[in-house]
Amino acid sequence: MAGTILAVPAIGFTAIFAVLRFPNFTVAAHATIGAFAGYVANTALGLPAWAAVVVAFLVAGIAFARAMSAFRWLRDRYQVIQVVSGLTLVALGMLLFFHRDWWLHVALNRALEAVGLTSP
């Protein structure tokens, strides 16, 4: 069963790459959005499970369509994809290497500013 669960996104990723001709790693994000929408539809709205599954697929499909229309300009620009991906990895690496707990500093500074103090 676990293999099937892993195979579904893998097949989806392969199909998306074959059609769009650029890698799209948002399959997991869309699955998560759909799962959350189904959960909310089932618990908060009180829909039965089969209706919540339909809502989950619809929301995930709409999110996917919006993402694809937003990044349509990247379809044949492989150099842009490589440069942006490389710069993102370099920036993340530098951030993690030089300033590992930056989020803690930001949160602490905001908390101090909220009470009228400043950090050194």
PDB file of N, CA and C in Angstrom:
ATOM      1  N   MET A   1       0.810  -1.195   0.000  1.00  0.00           N
ATOM      2  CA  MET A   1       0.000   0.000   0.000  1.00  0.00           C
ATOM      3  C   MET A   1       0.857   1.263   0.000  1.00  0.00           C
ATOM      4  N   ALA A   2       1.963   1.251   0.750  1.00  0.00           N
ATOM      5  CA  ALA A   2       2.825   2.436   0.804  1.00  0.00           C
ATOM      6  C   ALA A   2       3.428   2.730  -0.563  1.00  0.00           C
ATOM      7  N   GLY A   3       3.745   1.693  -1.315  1.00  0.00           N
ATOM      8  CA  GLY A   3       4.280   1.899  -2.658  1.00  0.00           C
ATOM      9  C   GLY A   3       3.286   2.585  -3.574  1.00  0.00           C
ATOM     10  N   THR A   4       2.030   2.245  -3.425  1.00  0.00           N
ATOM     11  CA  THR A   4       0.993   2.880  -4.233  1.00  0.00           C
ATOM     12  C   THR A   4       0.859   4.352  -3.876  1.00  0.00           C
ATOM     13  N   ILE A   5       0.931   4.643  -2.590  1.00  0.00           N
ATOM     14  CA  ILE A   5       0.820   6.034  -2.151  1.00  0.00           C
ATOM     15  C   ILE A   5       1.983   6.855  -2.704  1.00  0.00           C
ATOM     16  N   LEU A   6       3.161   6.273  -2.762  1.00  0.00           N
ATOM     17  CA  LEU A   6       4.307   6.985  -3.317  1.00  0.00           C
ATOM     18  C   LEU A   6       4.285   7.034  -4.836  1.00  0.00           C
ATOM     19  N   ALA A   7       3.663   6.048  -5.456  1.00  0.00           N
ATOM     20  CA  ALA A   7       3.641   5.987  -6.915  1.00  0.00           C
ATOM     21  C   ALA A   7       2.723   7.039  -7.527  1.00  0.00           C
ATOM     22  N   VAL A   8       1.643   7.368  -6.858  1.00  0.00           N
ATOM     23  CA  VAL A   8       0.687   8.324  -7.433  1.00  0.00           C
ATOM     24  C   VAL A   8       1.329   9.687  -7.681  1.00  0.00           C
ATOM     25  N   PRO A   9       2.000  10.316  -6.687  1.00  0.00           N
ATOM     26  CA  PRO A   9       2.659  11.590  -7.002  1.00  0.00           C
ATOM     27  C   PRO A   9       3.802  11.441  -8.000  1.00  0.00           C
ATOM     28  N   ALA A  10       4.493  10.304  -7.977  1.00  0.00           N
ATOM     29  CA  ALA A  10       5.592  10.097  -8.921  1.00  0.00           C
ATOM     30  C   ALA A  10       5.079  10.039 -10.353  1.00  0.00           C
ATOM     31  N   ILE A  11       3.981   9.355 -10.550  1.00  0.00           N
ATOM     32  CA  ILE A  11       3.380   9.301 -11.890  1.00  0.00           C
ATOM     33  C   ILE A  11       2.886  10.679 -12.299  1.00  0.00           C
ATOM     34  N   GLY A  12       2.289  11.399 -11.345  1.00  0.00           N
ATOM     35  CA  GLY A  12       1.831  12.761 -11.637  1.00  0.00           C
ATOM     36  C   GLY A  12       2.979  13.673 -12.007  1.00  0.00           C
ATOM     37  N   PHE A  13       4.084  13.581 -11.274  1.00  0.00           N
ATOM     38  CA  PHE A  13       5.257  14.402 -11.577  1.00  0.00           C
ATOM     39  C   PHE A  13       5.800  14.076 -12.959  1.00  0.00           C
ATOM     40  N   THR A  14       5.868  12.793 -13.297  1.00  0.00           N
ATOM     41  CA  THR A  14       6.365  12.374 -14.608  1.00  0.00           C
ATOM     42  C   THR A  14       5.470  12.884 -15.720  1.00  0.00           C
ATOM     43  N   ALA A  15       4.169  12.777 -15.529  1.00  0.00           N
ATOM     44  CA  ALA A  15       3.229  13.254 -16.554  1.00  0.00           C
ATOM     45  C   ALA A  15       3.324  14.769 -16.730  1.00  0.00           C
ATOM     46  N   ILE A  16       3.444  15.488 -15.626  1.00  0.00           N
ATOM     47  CA  ILE A  16       3.551  16.947 -15.706  1.00  0.00           C
ATOM     48  C   ILE A  16       4.844  17.345 -16.412  1.00  0.00           C
ATOM     49  N   PHE A  17       5.948  16.676 -16.086  1.00  0.00           N
ATOM     50  CA  PHE A  17       7.215  16.988 -16.738  1.00  0.00           C
ATOM     51  C   PHE A  17       7.152  16.681 -18.231  1.00  0.00           C
ATOM     52  N   ALA A  18       6.493  15.586 -18.603  1.00  0.00           N
ATOM     53  CA  ALA A  18       6.392  15.216 -20.020  1.00  0.00           C
ATOM     54  C   ALA A  18       5.579  16.233 -20.802  1.00  0.00           C
ATOM     55  N   VAL A  19       4.547  16.776 -20.192  1.00  0.00           N
ATOM     56  CA  VAL A  19       3.679  17.721 -20.900  1.00  0.00           C
ATOM     57  C   VAL A  19       4.270  19.125 -20.903  1.00  0.00           C
ATOM     58  N   LEU A  20       4.716  19.613 -19.756  1.00  0.00           N
ATOM     59  CA  LEU A  20       5.157  21.003 -19.642  1.00  0.00           C
ATOM     60  C   LEU A  20       6.614  21.227 -20.021  1.00  0.00           C
ATOM     61  N   ARG A  21       7.415  20.177 -20.036  1.00  0.00           N
ATOM     62  CA  ARG A  21       8.824  20.238 -20.377  1.00  0.00           C
ATOM     63  C   ARG A  21       9.665  21.044 -19.390  1.00  0.00           C
ATOM     64  N   PHE A  22       9.202  21.214 -18.158  1.00  0.00           N
ATOM     65  CA  PHE A  22      10.047  21.736 -17.092  1.00  0.00           C
ATOM     66  C   PHE A  22       9.588  21.124 -15.773  1.00  0.00           C
ATOM     67  N   PRO A  23      10.527  20.946 -14.850  1.00  0.00           N
ATOM     68  CA  PRO A  23      10.165  20.265 -13.598  1.00  0.00           C
ATOM     69  C   PRO A  23       9.263  21.119 -12.732  1.00  0.00           C
ATOM     70  N   ASN A  24       8.228  20.507 -12.215  1.00  0.00           N
ATOM     71  CA  ASN A  24       7.287  21.191 -11.341  1.00  0.00           C
ATOM     72  C   ASN A  24       7.185  20.370 -10.057  1.00  0.00           C
ATOM     73  N   PHE A  25       7.779  20.868  -8.998  1.00  0.00           N
ATOM     74  CA  PHE A  25       7.815  20.133  -7.744  1.00  0.00           C
ATOM     75  C   PHE A  25       6.666  20.508  -6.820  1.00  0.00           C
ATOM     76  N   THR A  26       5.622  21.075  -7.345  1.00  0.00           N
ATOM     77  CA  THR A  26       4.512  21.508  -6.508  1.00  0.00           C
ATOM     78  C   THR A  26       3.422  20.454  -6.376  1.00  0.00           C
ATOM     79  N   VAL A  27       3.681  19.241  -6.846  1.00  0.00           N
ATOM     80  CA  VAL A  27       2.679  18.182  -6.738  1.00  0.00           C
ATOM     81  C   VAL A  27       2.326  17.938  -5.277  1.00  0.00           C
ATOM     82  N   ALA A  28       3.323  17.888  -4.421  1.00  0.00           N
ATOM     83  CA  ALA A  28       3.069  17.658  -2.996  1.00  0.00           C
ATOM     84  C   ALA A  28       2.315  18.829  -2.377  1.00  0.00           C
ATOM     85  N   ALA A  29       2.624  20.037  -2.801  1.00  0.00           N
ATOM     86  CA  ALA A  29       1.916  21.200  -2.265  1.00  0.00           C
ATOM     87  C   ALA A  29       0.444  21.168  -2.656  1.00  0.00           C
ATOM     88  N   HIS A  30       0.167  20.807  -3.897  1.00  0.00           N
ATOM     89  CA  HIS A  30      -1.227  20.735  -4.325  1.00  0.00           C
ATOM     90  C   HIS A  30      -1.962  19.594  -3.642  1.00  0.00           C
ATOM     91  N   ALA A  31      -1.289  18.487  -3.426  1.00  0.00           N
ATOM     92  CA  ALA A  31      -1.907  17.377  -2.689  1.00  0.00           C
ATOM     93  C   ALA A  31      -2.226  17.800  -1.256  1.00  0.00           C
ATOM     94  N   THR A  32      -1.334  18.563  -0.648  1.00  0.00           N
ATOM     95  CA  THR A  32      -1.565  19.037   0.712  1.00  0.00           C
ATOM     96  C   THR A  32      -2.726  20.015   0.766  1.00  0.00           C
ATOM     97  N   ILE A  33      -2.790  20.921  -0.187  1.00  0.00           N
ATOM     98  CA  ILE A  33      -3.905  21.865  -0.239  1.00  0.00           C
ATOM     99  C   ILE A  33      -5.220  21.129  -0.413  1.00  0.00           C
ATOM    100  N   GLY A  34      -5.241  20.147  -1.299  1.00  0.00           N
ATOM    101  CA  GLY A  34      -6.453  19.359  -1.500  1.00  0.00           C
ATOM    102  C   GLY A  34      -6.850  18.574  -0.270  1.00  0.00           C
ATOM    103  N   ALA A  35      -5.855  17.972   0.400  1.00  0.00           N
ATOM    104  CA  ALA A  35      -6.154  17.202   1.614  1.00  0.00           C
ATOM    105  C   ALA A  35      -6.705  18.104   2.709  1.00  0.00           C
ATOM    106  N   PHE A  36      -6.139  19.284   2.847  1.00  0.00           N
ATOM    107  CA  PHE A  36      -6.647  20.211   3.863  1.00  0.00           C
ATOM    108  C   PHE A  36      -8.058  20.665   3.523  1.00  0.00           C
ATOM    109  N   ALA A  37      -8.319  20.946   2.248  1.00  0.00           N
ATOM    110  CA  ALA A  37      -9.668  21.350   1.839  1.00  0.00           C
ATOM    111  C   ALA A  37     -10.671  20.227   2.102  1.00  0.00           C
ATOM    112  N   GLY A  38     -10.280  18.992   1.832  1.00  0.00           N
ATOM    113  CA  GLY A  38     -11.162  17.858   2.120  1.00  0.00           C
ATOM    114  C   GLY A  38     -11.417  17.699   3.603  1.00  0.00           C
ATOM    115  N   TYR A  39     -10.386  17.897   4.401  1.00  0.00           N
ATOM    116  CA  TYR A  39     -10.530  17.804   5.857  1.00  0.00           C
ATOM    117  C   TYR A  39     -11.486  18.873   6.378  1.00  0.00           C
ATOM    118  N   VAL A  40     -11.307  20.113   5.900  1.00  0.00           N
ATOM    119  CA  VAL A  40     -12.186  21.198   6.329  1.00  0.00           C
ATOM    120  C   VAL A  40     -13.616  20.943   5.866  1.00  0.00           C
ATOM    121  N   ALA A  41     -13.777  20.455   4.642  1.00  0.00           N
ATOM    122  CA  ALA A  41     -15.121  20.169   4.135  1.00  0.00           C
ATOM    123  C   ALA A  41     -15.800  19.079   4.960  1.00  0.00           C
ATOM    124  N   ASN A  42     -15.029  18.111   5.415  1.00  0.00           N
ATOM    125  CA  ASN A  42     -15.603  17.013   6.196  1.00  0.00           C
ATOM    126  C   ASN A  42     -15.881  17.411   7.631  1.00  0.00           C
ATOM    127  N   THR A  43     -14.957  18.121   8.263  1.00  0.00           N
ATOM    128  CA  THR A  43     -15.125  18.430   9.685  1.00  0.00           C
ATOM    129  C   THR A  43     -15.912  19.715   9.918  1.00  0.00           C
ATOM    130  N   ALA A  44     -15.526  20.791   9.288  1.00  0.00           N
ATOM    131  CA  ALA A  44     -16.173  22.076   9.553  1.00  0.00           C
ATOM    132  C   ALA A  44     -17.517  22.212   8.842  1.00  0.00           C
ATOM    133  N   LEU A  45     -17.591  21.739   7.610  1.00  0.00           N
ATOM    134  CA  LEU A  45     -18.838  21.862   6.855  1.00  0.00           C
ATOM    135  C   LEU A  45     -19.767  20.671   7.032  1.00  0.00           C
ATOM    136  N   GLY A  46     -19.243  19.585   7.559  1.00  0.00           N
ATOM    137  CA  GLY A  46     -20.066  18.407   7.813  1.00  0.00           C
ATOM    138  C   GLY A  46     -20.436  17.605   6.576  1.00  0.00           C
ATOM    139  N   LEU A  47     -19.675  17.738   5.514  1.00  0.00           N
ATOM    140  CA  LEU A  47     -19.954  16.970   4.303  1.00  0.00           C
ATOM    141  C   LEU A  47     -19.564  15.513   4.510  1.00  0.00           C
ATOM    142  N   PRO A  48     -20.239  14.587   3.834  1.00  0.00           N
ATOM    143  CA  PRO A  48     -19.818  13.186   3.931  1.00  0.00           C
ATOM    144  C   PRO A  48     -18.446  13.000   3.271  1.00  0.00           C
ATOM    145  N   ALA A  49     -17.825  11.869   3.559  1.00  0.00           N
ATOM    146  CA  ALA A  49     -16.458  11.624   3.099  1.00  0.00           C
ATOM    147  C   ALA A  49     -16.344  11.684   1.578  1.00  0.00           C
ATOM    148  N   TRP A  50     -17.288  11.102   0.843  1.00  0.00           N
ATOM    149  CA  TRP A  50     -17.185  11.107  -0.618  1.00  0.00           C
ATOM    150  C   TRP A  50     -17.274  12.531  -1.161  1.00  0.00           C
ATOM    151  N   ALA A  51     -18.097  13.382  -0.552  1.00  0.00           N
ATOM    152  CA  ALA A  51     -18.191  14.774  -1.003  1.00  0.00           C
ATOM    153  C   ALA A  51     -16.922  15.551  -0.644  1.00  0.00           C
ATOM    154  N   ALA A  52     -16.333  15.234   0.500  1.00  0.00           N
ATOM    155  CA  ALA A  52     -15.095  15.897   0.891  1.00  0.00           C
ATOM    156  C   ALA A  52     -13.955  15.536  -0.064  1.00  0.00           C
ATOM    157  N   VAL A  53     -13.949  14.293  -0.544  1.00  0.00           N
ATOM    158  CA  VAL A  53     -12.936  13.883  -1.523  1.00  0.00           C
ATOM    159  C   VAL A  53     -13.121  14.659  -2.825  1.00  0.00           C
ATOM    160  N   VAL A  54     -14.357  14.841  -3.244  1.00  0.00           N
ATOM    161  CA  VAL A  54     -14.635  15.620  -4.458  1.00  0.00           C
ATOM    162  C   VAL A  54     -14.160  17.058  -4.271  1.00  0.00           C
ATOM    163  N   VAL A  55     -14.444  17.656  -3.110  1.00  0.00           N
ATOM    164  CA  VAL A  55     -13.995  19.017  -2.817  1.00  0.00           C
ATOM    165  C   VAL A  55     -12.471  19.078  -2.838  1.00  0.00           C
ATOM    166  N   ALA A  56     -11.817  18.071  -2.254  1.00  0.00           N
ATOM    167  CA  ALA A  56     -10.353  18.045  -2.220  1.00  0.00           C
ATOM    168  C   ALA A  56      -9.770  18.042  -3.629  1.00  0.00           C
ATOM    169  N   PHE A  57     -10.318  17.210  -4.506  1.00  0.00           N
ATOM    170  CA  PHE A  57      -9.814  17.158  -5.877  1.00  0.00           C
ATOM    171  C   PHE A  57     -10.080  18.459  -6.624  1.00  0.00           C
ATOM    172  N   LEU A  58     -11.237  19.048  -6.413  1.00  0.00           N
ATOM    173  CA  LEU A  58     -11.555  20.313  -7.088  1.00  0.00           C
ATOM    174  C   LEU A  58     -10.623  21.433  -6.636  1.00  0.00           C
ATOM    175  N   VAL A  59     -10.409  21.550  -5.332  1.00  0.00           N
ATOM    176  CA  VAL A  59      -9.534  22.613  -4.821  1.00  0.00           C
ATOM    177  C   VAL A  59      -8.095  22.402  -5.298  1.00  0.00           C
ATOM    178  N   ALA A  60      -7.615  21.170  -5.253  1.00  0.00           N
ATOM    179  CA  ALA A  60      -6.249  20.888  -5.717  1.00  0.00           C
ATOM    180  C   ALA A  60      -6.123  21.171  -7.213  1.00  0.00           C
ATOM    181  N   GLY A  61      -7.136  20.834  -7.985  1.00  0.00           N
ATOM    182  CA  GLY A  61      -7.110  21.108  -9.424  1.00  0.00           C
ATOM    183  C   GLY A  61      -7.101  22.594  -9.732  1.00  0.00           C
ATOM    184  N   ILE A  62      -7.887  23.355  -8.992  1.00  0.00           N
ATOM    185  CA  ILE A  62      -7.899  24.809  -9.190  1.00  0.00           C
ATOM    186  C   ILE A  62      -6.554  25.410  -8.812  1.00  0.00           C
ATOM    187  N   ALA A  63      -5.976  24.957  -7.698  1.00  0.00           N
ATOM    188  CA  ALA A  63      -4.656  25.452  -7.291  1.00  0.00           C
ATOM    189  C   ALA A  63      -3.599  25.114  -8.340  1.00  0.00           C
ATOM    190  N   PHE A  64      -3.660  23.915  -8.896  1.00  0.00           N
ATOM    191  CA  PHE A  64      -2.703  23.513  -9.932  1.00  0.00           C
ATOM    192  C   PHE A  64      -2.865  24.362 -11.192  1.00  0.00           C
ATOM    193  N   ALA A  65      -4.100  24.588 -11.612  1.00  0.00           N
ATOM    194  CA  ALA A  65      -4.341  25.391 -12.814  1.00  0.00           C
ATOM    195  C   ALA A  65      -3.834  26.818 -12.633  1.00  0.00           C
ATOM    196  N   ARG A  66      -4.033  27.377 -11.467  1.00  0.00           N
ATOM    197  CA  ARG A  66      -3.553  28.740 -11.205  1.00  0.00           C
ATOM    198  C   ARG A  66      -2.023  28.790 -11.218  1.00  0.00           C
ATOM    199  N   ALA A  67      -1.388  27.780 -10.643  1.00  0.00           N
ATOM    200  CA  ALA A  67       0.078  27.757 -10.626  1.00  0.00           C
ATOM    201  C   ALA A  67       0.630  27.604 -12.039  1.00  0.00           C
ATOM    202  N   MET A  68       0.012  26.768 -12.845  1.00  0.00           N
ATOM    203  CA  MET A  68       0.499  26.560 -14.209  1.00  0.00           C
ATOM    204  C   MET A  68       0.324  27.808 -15.061  1.00  0.00           C
ATOM    205  N   SER A  69      -0.763  28.523 -14.863  1.00  0.00           N
ATOM    206  CA  SER A  69      -0.946  29.749 -15.641  1.00  0.00           C
ATOM    207  C   SER A  69       0.034  30.830 -15.191  1.00  0.00           C
ATOM    208  N   ALA A  70       0.402  30.832 -13.917  1.00  0.00           N
ATOM    209  CA  ALA A  70       1.345  31.834 -13.421  1.00  0.00           C
ATOM    210  C   ALA A  70       2.757  31.589 -13.949  1.00  0.00           C
ATOM    211  N   PHE A  71       3.140  30.326 -14.155  1.00  0.00           N
ATOM    212  CA  PHE A  71       4.501  30.003 -14.586  1.00  0.00           C
ATOM    213  C   PHE A  71       4.580  29.539 -16.037  1.00  0.00           C
ATOM    214  N   ARG A  72       3.597  29.880 -16.841  1.00  0.00           N
ATOM    215  CA  ARG A  72       3.581  29.482 -18.246  1.00  0.00           C
ATOM    216  C   ARG A  72       4.765  30.066 -19.020  1.00  0.00           C
ATOM    217  N   TRP A  73       5.210  31.246 -18.633  1.00  0.00           N
ATOM    218  CA  TRP A  73       6.298  31.903 -19.355  1.00  0.00           C
ATOM    219  C   TRP A  73       7.620  31.154 -19.215  1.00  0.00           C
ATOM    220  N   LEU A  74       7.723  30.224 -18.251  1.00  0.00           N
ATOM    221  CA  LEU A  74       8.958  29.470 -18.056  1.00  0.00           C
ATOM    222  C   LEU A  74       9.070  28.236 -18.940  1.00  0.00           C
ATOM    223  N   ARG A  75       8.044  27.949 -19.711  1.00  0.00           N
ATOM    224  CA  ARG A  75       7.975  26.665 -20.410  1.00  0.00           C
ATOM    225  C   ARG A  75       9.222  26.353 -21.242  1.00  0.00           C
ATOM    226  N   ASP A  76       9.702  27.256 -22.042  1.00  0.00           N
ATOM    227  CA  ASP A  76      10.848  26.972 -22.915  1.00  0.00           C
ATOM    228  C   ASP A  76      12.108  27.734 -22.508  1.00  0.00           C
ATOM    229  N   ARG A  77      12.159  28.208 -21.295  1.00  0.00           N
ATOM    230  CA  ARG A  77      13.315  28.970 -20.838  1.00  0.00           C
ATOM    231  C   ARG A  77      14.096  28.173 -19.802  1.00  0.00           C
ATOM    232  N   TYR A  78      14.815  27.169 -20.278  1.00  0.00           N
ATOM    233  CA  TYR A  78      15.552  26.288 -19.384  1.00  0.00           C
ATOM    234  C   TYR A  78      16.677  27.012 -18.665  1.00  0.00           C
ATOM    235  N   GLN A  79      17.311  27.985 -19.340  1.00  0.00           N
ATOM    236  CA  GLN A  79      18.405  28.711 -18.710  1.00  0.00           C
ATOM    237  C   GLN A  79      17.901  29.524 -17.519  1.00  0.00           C
ATOM    238  N   VAL A  80      16.721  30.123 -17.655  1.00  0.00           N
ATOM    239  CA  VAL A  80      16.149  30.899 -16.556  1.00  0.00           C
ATOM    240  C   VAL A  80      15.868  29.987 -15.365  1.00  0.00           C
ATOM    241  N   ILE A  81      15.308  28.812 -15.640  1.00  0.00           N
ATOM    242  CA  ILE A  81      15.005  27.852 -14.577  1.00  0.00           C
ATOM    243  C   ILE A  81      16.282  27.444 -13.858  1.00  0.00           C
ATOM    244  N   GLN A  82      17.342  27.170 -14.619  1.00  0.00           N
ATOM    245  CA  GLN A  82      18.594  26.751 -14.007  1.00  0.00           C
ATOM    246  C   GLN A  82      19.222  27.863 -13.173  1.00  0.00           C
ATOM    247  N   VAL A  83      19.196  29.088 -13.676  1.00  0.00           N
ATOM    248  CA  VAL A  83      19.785  30.211 -12.946  1.00  0.00           C
ATOM    249  C   VAL A  83      19.012  30.482 -11.660  1.00  0.00           C
ATOM    250  N   VAL A  84      17.691  30.522 -11.751  1.00  0.00           N
ATOM    251  CA  VAL A  84      16.878  30.793 -10.568  1.00  0.00           C
ATOM    252  C   VAL A  84      17.040  29.676  -9.538  1.00  0.00           C
ATOM    253  N   SER A  85      17.036  28.430  -9.989  1.00  0.00           N
ATOM    254  CA  SER A  85      17.218  27.308  -9.067  1.00  0.00           C
ATOM    255  C   SER A  85      18.591  27.368  -8.407  1.00  0.00           C
ATOM    256  N   GLY A  86      19.621  27.654  -9.181  1.00  0.00           N
ATOM    257  CA  GLY A  86      20.964  27.734  -8.633  1.00  0.00           C
ATOM    258  C   GLY A  86      21.117  28.864  -7.630  1.00  0.00           C
ATOM    259  N   LEU A  87      20.584  30.042  -7.965  1.00  0.00           N
ATOM    260  CA  LEU A  87      20.671  31.170  -7.038  1.00  0.00           C
ATOM    261  C   LEU A  87      19.890  30.906  -5.757  1.00  0.00           C
ATOM    262  N   THR A  88      18.756  30.240  -5.879  1.00  0.00           N
ATOM    263  CA  THR A  88      17.973  29.898  -4.697  1.00  0.00           C
ATOM    264  C   THR A  88      18.747  28.954  -3.787  1.00  0.00           C
ATOM    265  N   LEU A  89      19.367  27.940  -4.374  1.00  0.00           N
ATOM    266  CA  LEU A  89      20.154  27.009  -3.569  1.00  0.00           C
ATOM    267  C   LEU A  89      21.353  27.686  -2.909  1.00  0.00           C
ATOM    268  N   VAL A  90      22.016  28.566  -3.643  1.00  0.00           N
ATOM    269  CA  VAL A  90      23.155  29.283  -3.072  1.00  0.00           C
ATOM    270  C   VAL A  90      22.697  30.190  -1.930  1.00  0.00           C
ATOM    271  N   ALA A  91      21.604  30.912  -2.140  1.00  0.00           N
ATOM    272  CA  ALA A  91      21.097  31.801  -1.091  1.00  0.00           C
ATOM    273  C   ALA A  91      20.681  31.021   0.150  1.00  0.00           C
ATOM    274  N   LEU A  92      19.999  29.904  -0.045  1.00  0.00           N
ATOM    275  CA  LEU A  92      19.607  29.092   1.101  1.00  0.00           C
ATOM    276  C   LEU A  92      20.819  28.523   1.822  1.00  0.00           C
ATOM    277  N   GLY A  93      21.798  28.062   1.070  1.00  0.00           N
ATOM    278  CA  GLY A  93      23.006  27.544   1.685  1.00  0.00           C
ATOM    279  C   GLY A  93      23.741  28.593   2.488  1.00  0.00           C
ATOM    280  N   MET A  94      23.877  29.793   1.940  1.00  0.00           N
ATOM    281  CA  MET A  94      24.542  30.871   2.667  1.00  0.00           C
ATOM    282  C   MET A  94      23.754  31.256   3.912  1.00  0.00           C
ATOM    283  N   LEU A  95      22.450  31.308   3.782  1.00  0.00           N
ATOM    284  CA  LEU A  95      21.616  31.660   4.929  1.00  0.00           C
ATOM    285  C   LEU A  95      21.753  30.632   6.042  1.00  0.00           C
ATOM    286  N   LEU A  96      21.724  29.368   5.679  1.00  0.00           N
ATOM    287  CA  LEU A  96      21.843  28.322   6.689  1.00  0.00           C
ATOM    288  C   LEU A  96      23.246  28.247   7.284  1.00  0.00           C
ATOM    289  N   PHE A  97      24.263  28.519   6.475  1.00  0.00           N
ATOM    290  CA  PHE A  97      25.634  28.417   6.967  1.00  0.00           C
ATOM    291  C   PHE A  97      26.014  29.598   7.858  1.00  0.00           C
ATOM    292  N   PHE A  98      25.677  30.813   7.410  1.00  0.00           N
ATOM    293  CA  PHE A  98      26.128  31.991   8.130  1.00  0.00           C
ATOM    294  C   PHE A  98      25.173  32.465   9.216  1.00  0.00           C
ATOM    295  N   HIS A  99      23.898  32.159   9.065  1.00  0.00           N
ATOM    296  CA  HIS A  99      22.920  32.694  10.007  1.00  0.00           C
ATOM    297  C   HIS A  99      21.841  31.640  10.240  1.00  0.00           C
ATOM    298  N   ARG A 100      22.202  30.587  10.932  1.00  0.00           N
ATOM    299  CA  ARG A 100      21.347  29.412  11.057  1.00  0.00           C
ATOM    300  C   ARG A 100      20.006  29.698  11.716  1.00  0.00           C
ATOM    301  N   ASP A 101      19.982  30.548  12.710  1.00  0.00           N
ATOM    302  CA  ASP A 101      18.736  30.790  13.432  1.00  0.00           C
ATOM    303  C   ASP A 101      18.192  32.199  13.171  1.00  0.00           C
ATOM    304  N   TRP A 102      18.192  32.612  11.904  1.00  0.00           N
ATOM    305  CA  TRP A 102      17.719  33.945  11.536  1.00  0.00           C
ATOM    306  C   TRP A 102      16.267  34.158  11.909  1.00  0.00           C
ATOM    307  N   TRP A 103      15.454  33.119  11.813  1.00  0.00           N
ATOM    308  CA  TRP A 103      14.032  33.268  12.125  1.00  0.00           C
ATOM    309  C   TRP A 103      13.835  33.582  13.597  1.00  0.00           C
ATOM    310  N   LEU A 104      14.719  33.070  14.453  1.00  0.00           N
ATOM    311  CA  LEU A 104      14.623  33.359  15.881  1.00  0.00           C
ATOM    312  C   LEU A 104      14.934  34.827  16.136  1.00  0.00           C
ATOM    313  N   HIS A 105      15.931  35.364  15.452  1.00  0.00           N
ATOM    314  CA  HIS A 105      16.282  36.777  15.615  1.00  0.00           C
ATOM    315  C   HIS A 105      15.144  37.675  15.148  1.00  0.00           C
ATOM    316  N   VAL A 106      14.524  37.343  14.030  1.00  0.00           N
ATOM    317  CA  VAL A 106      13.412  38.144  13.519  1.00  0.00           C
ATOM    318  C   VAL A 106      12.250  38.124  14.501  1.00  0.00           C
ATOM    319  N   ALA A 107      11.895  36.952  14.998  1.00  0.00           N
ATOM    320  CA  ALA A 107      10.786  36.842  15.941  1.00  0.00           C
ATOM    321  C   ALA A 107      11.094  37.583  17.238  1.00  0.00           C
ATOM    322  N   LEU A 108      12.330  37.467  17.723  1.00  0.00           N
ATOM    323  CA  LEU A 108      12.716  38.148  18.955  1.00  0.00           C
ATOM    324  C   LEU A 108      12.694  39.662  18.772  1.00  0.00           C
ATOM    325  N   ASN A 109      13.201  40.149  17.653  1.00  0.00           N
ATOM    326  CA  ASN A 109      13.187  41.589  17.396  1.00  0.00           C
ATOM    327  C   ASN A 109      11.770  42.128  17.311  1.00  0.00           C
ATOM    328  N   ARG A 110      10.878  41.398  16.674  1.00  0.00           N
ATOM    329  CA  ARG A 110       9.488  41.855  16.584  1.00  0.00           C
ATOM    330  C   ARG A 110       8.822  41.867  17.955  1.00  0.00           C
ATOM    331  N   ALA A 111       9.113  40.852  18.763  1.00  0.00           N
ATOM    332  CA  ALA A 111       8.534  40.821  20.109  1.00  0.00           C
ATOM    333  C   ALA A 111       9.059  41.989  20.956  1.00  0.00           C
ATOM    334  N   LEU A 112      10.349  42.284  20.841  1.00  0.00           N
ATOM    335  CA  LEU A 112      10.926  43.395  21.601  1.00  0.00           C
ATOM    336  C   LEU A 112      10.367  44.721  21.132  1.00  0.00           C
ATOM    337  N   GLU A 113      10.223  44.899  19.811  1.00  0.00           N
ATOM    338  CA  GLU A 113       9.667  46.139  19.278  1.00  0.00           C
ATOM    339  C   GLU A 113       8.222  46.334  19.701  1.00  0.00           C
ATOM    340  N   ALA A 114       7.483  45.226  19.865  1.00  0.00           N
ATOM    341  CA  ALA A 114       6.074  45.331  20.270  1.00  0.00           C
ATOM    342  C   ALA A 114       5.922  45.913  21.666  1.00  0.00           C
ATOM    343  N   VAL A 115       6.920  45.686  22.518  1.00  0.00           N
ATOM    344  CA  VAL A 115       6.845  46.218  23.882  1.00  0.00           C
ATOM    345  C   VAL A 115       7.704  47.485  24.054  1.00  0.00           C
ATOM    346  N   GLY A 116       8.237  48.013  22.944  1.00  0.00           N
ATOM    347  CA  GLY A 116       8.971  49.260  22.985  1.00  0.00           C
ATOM    348  C   GLY A 116      10.456  49.121  23.275  1.00  0.00           C
ATOM    349  N   LEU A 117      11.032  47.957  23.152  1.00  0.00           N
ATOM    350  CA  LEU A 117      12.458  47.753  23.368  1.00  0.00           C
ATOM    351  C   LEU A 117      13.176  47.506  22.056  1.00  0.00           C
ATOM    352  N   THR A 118      14.489  47.635  22.073  1.00  0.00           N
ATOM    353  CA  THR A 118      15.280  47.319  20.884  1.00  0.00           C
ATOM    354  C   THR A 118      16.351  46.310  21.251  1.00  0.00           C
ATOM    355  N   SER A 119      16.757  45.540  20.277  1.00  0.00           N
ATOM    356  CA  SER A 119      17.816  44.559  20.518  1.00  0.00           C
ATOM    357  C   SER A 119      19.155  45.150  20.127  1.00  0.00           C
ATOM    358  N   PRO A 120      20.238  44.676  20.735  1.00  0.00           N
ATOM    359  CA  PRO A 120      21.568  45.230  20.419  1.00  0.00           C
ATOM    360  C   PRO A 120      22.031  44.832  19.037  1.00  0.00           C
TER     361      PRO A 120
END
